[in-house]
Amino acid sequence: MALPEGFNSWKHLRETVEKIHNRRVRLFYKNQPEDDISTPKRSLKVACLITSKDTIILVILRMWLFEITAGHAQSIQAPIYGIPVQEFQRDSKFRPQIRLYFKESYDFAKHGDGTEQVRGEITFRIMNKTQETISRNDAIEYAREIKNEFATPTLVWKKGKYKCTYIDLENGFDLRILAISKAEGVSIVKSVLKILDKTYNDDFFQFIENTKTYPSTPGTHLVYGKQVKKSRQRPTADVKFTHAQLIIPGQIKPVNLVSVAGRVRNAIENV
């Protein structure tokens, strides 16, 4: 369908930004009334809402106030439990590792109420390399292979409730993949093996049948005096490849191998 006659792209952008931003503000401050600055939270709600008379500078200021200062951006970032890299590497000995990351695309209708986007991660070791022998040229080669297999076009992993394992410890693979079917699990495993140019062996693969029911909406429970959503177990979702990293023992920061749509900086390959 063609754009209507006299379409104003700036006006359309301005109205779209206002509509989506204000909807998020009202959801974030759903317990606060409109047009009331009698308390700090109520005052913040008023300050964050974009009005039709705002200049572009005011629009940006209100968005920054909401996302950064008031903490909305932090509220949608799930906490990650971990230990400092130096402590882990001091107490552990391991081969270089490649990590592949996946994430479900954001859909306001599905995630606007706070439902978390499904994520996925696949890791494996590079057994023929050590922290001393691995080189920049190796990283470039891994990045090219990952880009070809996972990013052009972007690979979609159909996560589900069935567990598929592929255990070949000699070659560094201890894969445990949740998929919607055996065929999907085999397909993902084969894509991973191509990165190191390894041949698929059906003897290493196991598909674990599962008749247990995992509800898509598990309900809520009481946490710290509030009703919050229970965690979804084995949710079914299409998760897309977002980026890949190389973890090298003795090096604090990972080597960013591949990045889709600017997911990480300074990647060897960008798509």
Protein backbone atom coordinates (compact mmCIF):
# COMPACT_ATOMS: atom_id res chain seq x y z
CA MET A 1 0.00 0.00 0.00
CA ALA A 2 1.39 3.40 -1.05
CA LEU A 3 1.82 6.24 1.42
CA PRO A 4 -1.11 8.69 1.47
CA GLU A 5 -0.88 11.95 -0.46
CA GLY A 6 0.80 14.68 1.54
CA PHE A 7 2.40 12.19 3.95
CA ASN A 8 4.63 13.97 6.46
CA SER A 9 7.41 11.61 7.54
CA TRP A 10 8.57 13.88 10.38
CA LYS A 11 5.06 14.18 11.82
CA HIS A 12 4.57 10.43 11.53
CA LEU A 13 7.87 9.75 13.32
CA ARG A 14 7.10 12.29 16.03
CA GLU A 15 3.63 10.85 16.71
CA THR A 16 4.92 7.25 16.68
CA VAL A 17 7.68 8.04 19.20
CA GLU A 18 5.18 9.83 21.44
CA LYS A 19 2.66 6.99 21.28
CA ILE A 20 5.10 4.17 22.07
CA HIS A 21 7.07 6.12 24.70
CA ASN A 22 4.00 7.31 26.59
CA ARG A 23 2.53 3.82 26.59
CA ARG A 24 5.70 2.53 28.27
CA VAL A 25 5.71 5.38 30.77
CA ARG A 26 2.11 4.72 31.77
CA LEU A 27 2.81 1.00 32.15
CA PHE A 28 5.92 1.69 34.26
CA TYR A 29 3.99 4.13 36.48
CA LYS A 30 0.66 2.31 36.31
CA ASN A 31 -0.02 2.85 40.02
CA GLN A 32 0.42 6.62 39.76
CA PRO A 33 -2.43 8.97 38.72
CA GLU A 34 -2.25 11.33 35.73
CA ASP A 35 -1.43 15.05 36.01
CA ASP A 36 -0.32 14.90 39.63
CA ILE A 37 3.05 16.02 41.01
CA SER A 38 2.27 15.68 44.71
CA THR A 39 4.80 12.85 45.24
CA PRO A 40 8.21 12.12 43.66
CA LYS A 41 6.89 9.18 41.59
CA ARG A 42 3.86 11.09 40.39
CA SER A 43 6.11 14.02 39.49
CA LEU A 44 8.42 11.73 37.51
CA LYS A 45 5.48 10.32 35.54
CA VAL A 46 4.42 13.82 34.50
CA ALA A 47 8.00 14.76 33.60
CA CYS A 48 8.51 11.65 31.49
CA LEU A 49 5.32 11.89 29.40
CA ILE A 50 5.81 13.50 25.99
CA THR A 51 3.29 16.17 25.03
CA SER A 52 2.24 17.26 21.55
CA LYS A 53 3.82 20.71 22.07
CA ASP A 54 7.28 19.41 22.99
CA THR A 55 10.28 20.37 20.88
CA ILE A 56 12.63 17.62 19.73
CA ILE A 57 15.05 18.58 22.56
CA LEU A 58 12.28 18.15 25.14
CA VAL A 59 11.30 14.79 23.60
CA ILE A 60 14.88 13.55 23.92
CA LEU A 61 15.19 14.88 27.47
CA ARG A 62 11.98 13.15 28.56
CA MET A 63 13.11 9.86 26.97
CA TRP A 64 16.53 10.11 28.68
CA LEU A 65 14.90 10.92 32.02
CA PHE A 66 12.62 7.90 31.72
CA GLU A 67 15.04 5.31 30.35
CA ILE A 68 18.24 6.28 32.20
CA THR A 69 17.60 8.53 35.18
CA ALA A 70 14.30 7.02 36.30
CA GLY A 71 15.67 3.54 35.58
CA HIS A 72 13.27 2.01 33.03
CA ALA A 73 16.13 0.65 30.90
CA GLN A 74 17.66 -0.99 33.97
CA SER A 75 14.32 -2.46 35.01
CA ILE A 76 14.00 -4.45 31.78
CA GLN A 77 17.56 -5.81 31.99
CA ALA A 78 17.51 -9.13 33.80
CA PRO A 79 20.19 -9.44 36.54
CA ILE A 80 23.04 -11.83 35.78
CA TYR A 81 24.69 -13.83 38.54
CA GLY A 82 28.42 -14.34 38.17
CA ILE A 83 31.91 -13.95 39.61
CA PRO A 84 34.77 -11.71 38.47
CA VAL A 85 36.60 -13.10 35.43
CA GLN A 86 39.95 -13.03 37.20
CA GLU A 87 38.67 -15.21 40.06
CA PHE A 88 37.09 -17.73 37.70
CA GLN A 89 40.19 -18.00 35.52
CA ARG A 90 42.49 -18.29 38.54
CA ASP A 91 40.57 -21.30 39.84
CA SER A 92 39.80 -22.93 36.49
CA LYS A 93 41.81 -24.40 33.66
CA PHE A 94 40.14 -24.72 30.31
CA ARG A 95 40.57 -24.47 26.56
CA PRO A 96 39.47 -21.44 24.53
CA GLN A 97 35.70 -21.31 24.21
CA ILE A 98 33.28 -20.01 21.58
CA ARG A 99 29.90 -18.70 22.72
CA LEU A 100 26.95 -18.18 20.39
CA TYR A 101 24.11 -15.95 21.60
CA PHE A 102 20.46 -15.88 20.53
CA LYS A 103 17.46 -13.74 21.46
CA GLU A 104 13.75 -13.60 20.67
CA SER A 105 12.68 -10.51 18.70
CA TYR A 106 10.80 -7.92 20.74
CA ASP A 107 7.04 -7.77 20.21
CA PHE A 108 5.17 -5.14 22.20
CA ALA A 109 1.95 -7.18 22.17
CA LYS A 110 3.84 -10.14 23.66
CA HIS A 111 6.47 -8.44 25.83
CA GLY A 112 4.94 -5.07 26.64
CA ASP A 113 3.54 -6.36 29.92
CA GLY A 114 7.00 -7.31 31.15
CA THR A 115 7.12 -10.85 29.72
CA GLU A 116 10.78 -11.60 29.21
CA GLN A 117 12.23 -12.21 25.75
CA VAL A 118 13.51 -15.76 25.39
CA ARG A 119 17.29 -16.09 25.07
CA GLY A 120 19.59 -18.89 24.08
CA GLU A 121 23.29 -19.65 24.34
CA ILE A 122 25.45 -22.41 22.85
CA THR A 123 29.06 -22.93 23.91
CA PHE A 124 31.86 -25.32 23.01
CA ARG A 125 35.63 -25.67 23.49
CA ILE A 126 38.44 -25.51 20.93
CA MET A 127 40.47 -28.52 22.00
CA ASN A 128 43.34 -28.19 19.51
CA LYS A 129 44.21 -24.70 20.77
CA THR A 130 45.47 -23.27 24.07
CA GLN A 131 45.75 -19.72 25.33
CA GLU A 132 49.38 -19.74 24.09
CA THR A 133 48.77 -21.13 20.62
CA ILE A 134 45.50 -19.47 19.59
CA SER A 135 46.02 -16.46 17.32
CA ARG A 136 44.25 -13.54 15.70
CA ASN A 137 44.21 -15.47 12.42
CA ASP A 138 42.35 -18.29 14.17
CA ALA A 139 39.76 -15.83 15.47
CA ILE A 140 39.29 -14.39 11.97
CA GLU A 141 38.69 -17.88 10.59
CA TYR A 142 36.15 -18.73 13.31
CA ALA A 143 34.39 -15.41 12.70
CA ARG A 144 34.08 -16.10 8.97
CA GLU A 145 32.69 -19.56 9.55
CA ILE A 146 30.14 -18.28 12.09
CA LYS A 147 29.09 -15.43 9.82
CA ASN A 148 28.52 -17.80 6.90
CA GLU A 149 26.57 -20.34 8.95
CA PHE A 150 24.69 -18.20 11.47
CA ALA A 151 24.45 -14.64 10.17
CA THR A 152 23.96 -14.73 6.38
CA PRO A 153 21.04 -15.14 6.61
CA THR A 154 20.42 -14.90 10.34
CA LEU A 155 19.87 -18.37 11.77
CA VAL A 156 16.67 -18.90 13.74
CA TRP A 157 16.76 -21.53 16.48
CA LYS A 158 13.30 -22.85 17.29
CA LYS A 159 13.57 -23.44 21.02
CA GLY A 160 11.11 -25.79 22.66
CA LYS A 161 10.61 -28.28 25.46
CA TYR A 162 12.61 -31.24 24.09
CA LYS A 163 16.23 -31.66 25.17
CA CYS A 164 18.81 -32.68 22.60
CA THR A 165 22.37 -33.49 23.63
CA TYR A 166 25.50 -33.92 21.55
CA ILE A 167 28.47 -35.06 23.61
CA ASP A 168 31.86 -35.36 21.91
CA LEU A 169 34.28 -34.28 24.63
CA GLU A 170 37.36 -35.15 22.59
CA ASN A 171 36.42 -32.38 20.16
CA GLY A 172 35.10 -29.99 22.84
CA PHE A 173 31.37 -30.45 22.33
CA ASP A 174 29.00 -30.90 25.26
CA LEU A 175 25.89 -29.42 23.68
CA ARG A 176 22.55 -29.39 25.48
CA ILE A 177 19.94 -27.83 23.25
CA LEU A 178 16.22 -27.30 23.83
CA ALA A 179 14.30 -27.60 20.57
CA ILE A 180 10.78 -28.08 19.23
CA SER A 181 11.77 -31.39 17.56
CA LYS A 182 14.56 -33.86 16.98
CA ALA A 183 15.08 -32.54 13.47
CA GLU A 184 15.54 -29.01 14.79
CA GLY A 185 18.06 -30.23 17.37
CA VAL A 186 20.09 -32.10 14.74
CA SER A 187 20.04 -29.06 12.46
CA ILE A 188 21.39 -26.74 15.16
CA VAL A 189 24.10 -29.23 16.15
CA LYS A 190 25.26 -29.59 12.54
CA SER A 191 25.47 -25.80 12.19
CA VAL A 192 27.65 -25.61 15.31
CA LEU A 193 29.96 -28.39 14.11
CA LYS A 194 30.62 -26.55 10.84
CA ILE A 195 32.41 -23.78 12.74
CA LEU A 196 35.27 -26.17 13.53
CA ASP A 197 34.76 -28.24 10.38
CA LYS A 198 33.73 -31.33 12.36
CA THR A 199 31.61 -34.17 11.00
CA TYR A 200 28.27 -34.98 12.64
CA ASN A 201 28.17 -38.40 14.34
CA ASP A 202 24.73 -39.72 15.24
CA ASP A 203 26.26 -41.87 18.01
CA PHE A 204 26.95 -38.68 19.99
CA PHE A 205 23.40 -37.35 19.63
CA GLN A 206 20.53 -38.09 21.99
CA PHE A 207 16.94 -36.87 21.79
CA ILE A 208 15.13 -36.96 25.13
CA GLU A 209 11.36 -37.34 24.85
CA ASN A 210 9.34 -35.15 27.18
CA THR A 211 5.64 -35.48 27.94
CA LYS A 212 5.60 -32.90 30.72
CA THR A 213 3.44 -29.83 30.18
CA TYR A 214 5.09 -26.42 30.38
CA PRO A 215 2.42 -23.67 30.45
CA SER A 216 3.11 -20.56 28.36
CA THR A 217 1.54 -18.45 31.13
CA PRO A 218 2.54 -20.10 34.45
CA GLY A 219 0.71 -17.52 36.56
CA THR A 220 2.03 -15.47 39.46
CA HIS A 221 3.29 -15.94 43.00
CA LEU A 222 3.95 -13.74 45.99
CA VAL A 223 7.47 -12.27 46.20
CA TYR A 224 8.40 -9.60 48.72
CA GLY A 225 4.79 -8.61 49.23
CA LYS A 226 3.93 -8.36 45.54
CA GLN A 227 2.43 -10.70 42.99
CA VAL A 228 5.02 -11.28 40.26
CA LYS A 229 5.08 -13.57 37.24
CA LYS A 230 6.52 -17.04 37.68
CA SER A 231 9.44 -17.94 35.45
CA ARG A 232 8.50 -19.76 32.27
CA GLN A 233 10.14 -23.16 31.96
CA ARG A 234 11.24 -24.29 28.52
CA PRO A 235 9.27 -21.63 26.62
CA THR A 236 8.71 -22.19 22.91
CA ALA A 237 10.03 -19.33 20.82
CA ASP A 238 12.06 -18.46 17.74
CA VAL A 239 15.38 -17.05 18.92
CA LYS A 240 17.64 -15.36 16.39
CA PHE A 241 21.43 -15.37 16.36
CA THR A 242 22.73 -12.03 17.68
CA HIS A 243 26.49 -12.35 18.24
CA ALA A 244 29.42 -14.65 18.95
CA GLN A 245 32.42 -14.31 21.24
CA LEU A 246 35.73 -16.09 21.79
CA ILE A 247 36.76 -16.55 25.42
CA ILE A 248 40.50 -17.01 25.96
CA PRO A 249 41.94 -18.00 29.37
CA GLY A 250 44.10 -15.22 30.75
CA GLN A 251 42.32 -12.50 28.78
CA ILE A 252 39.63 -10.62 30.69
CA LYS A 253 37.67 -9.26 27.75
CA PRO A 254 36.25 -11.63 25.13
CA VAL A 255 37.10 -11.35 21.45
CA ASN A 256 33.94 -10.32 19.62
CA LEU A 257 33.79 -12.53 16.56
CA VAL A 258 30.47 -11.70 14.90
CA SER A 259 27.85 -9.03 15.54
CA VAL A 260 24.40 -8.73 13.96
CA ALA A 261 22.92 -5.22 13.76
CA GLY A 262 25.55 -3.70 16.06
CA ARG A 263 24.87 -6.03 18.97
CA VAL A 264 28.48 -5.78 20.19
CA ARG A 265 31.32 -3.42 19.32
CA ASN A 266 34.60 -4.09 17.55
CA ALA A 267 33.54 -7.44 16.12
CA ILE A 268 35.74 -9.06 13.49
CA GLU A 269 32.67 -9.61 11.27
CA ASN A 270 29.61 -7.33 11.25
CA VAL A 271 26.31 -8.04 9.54
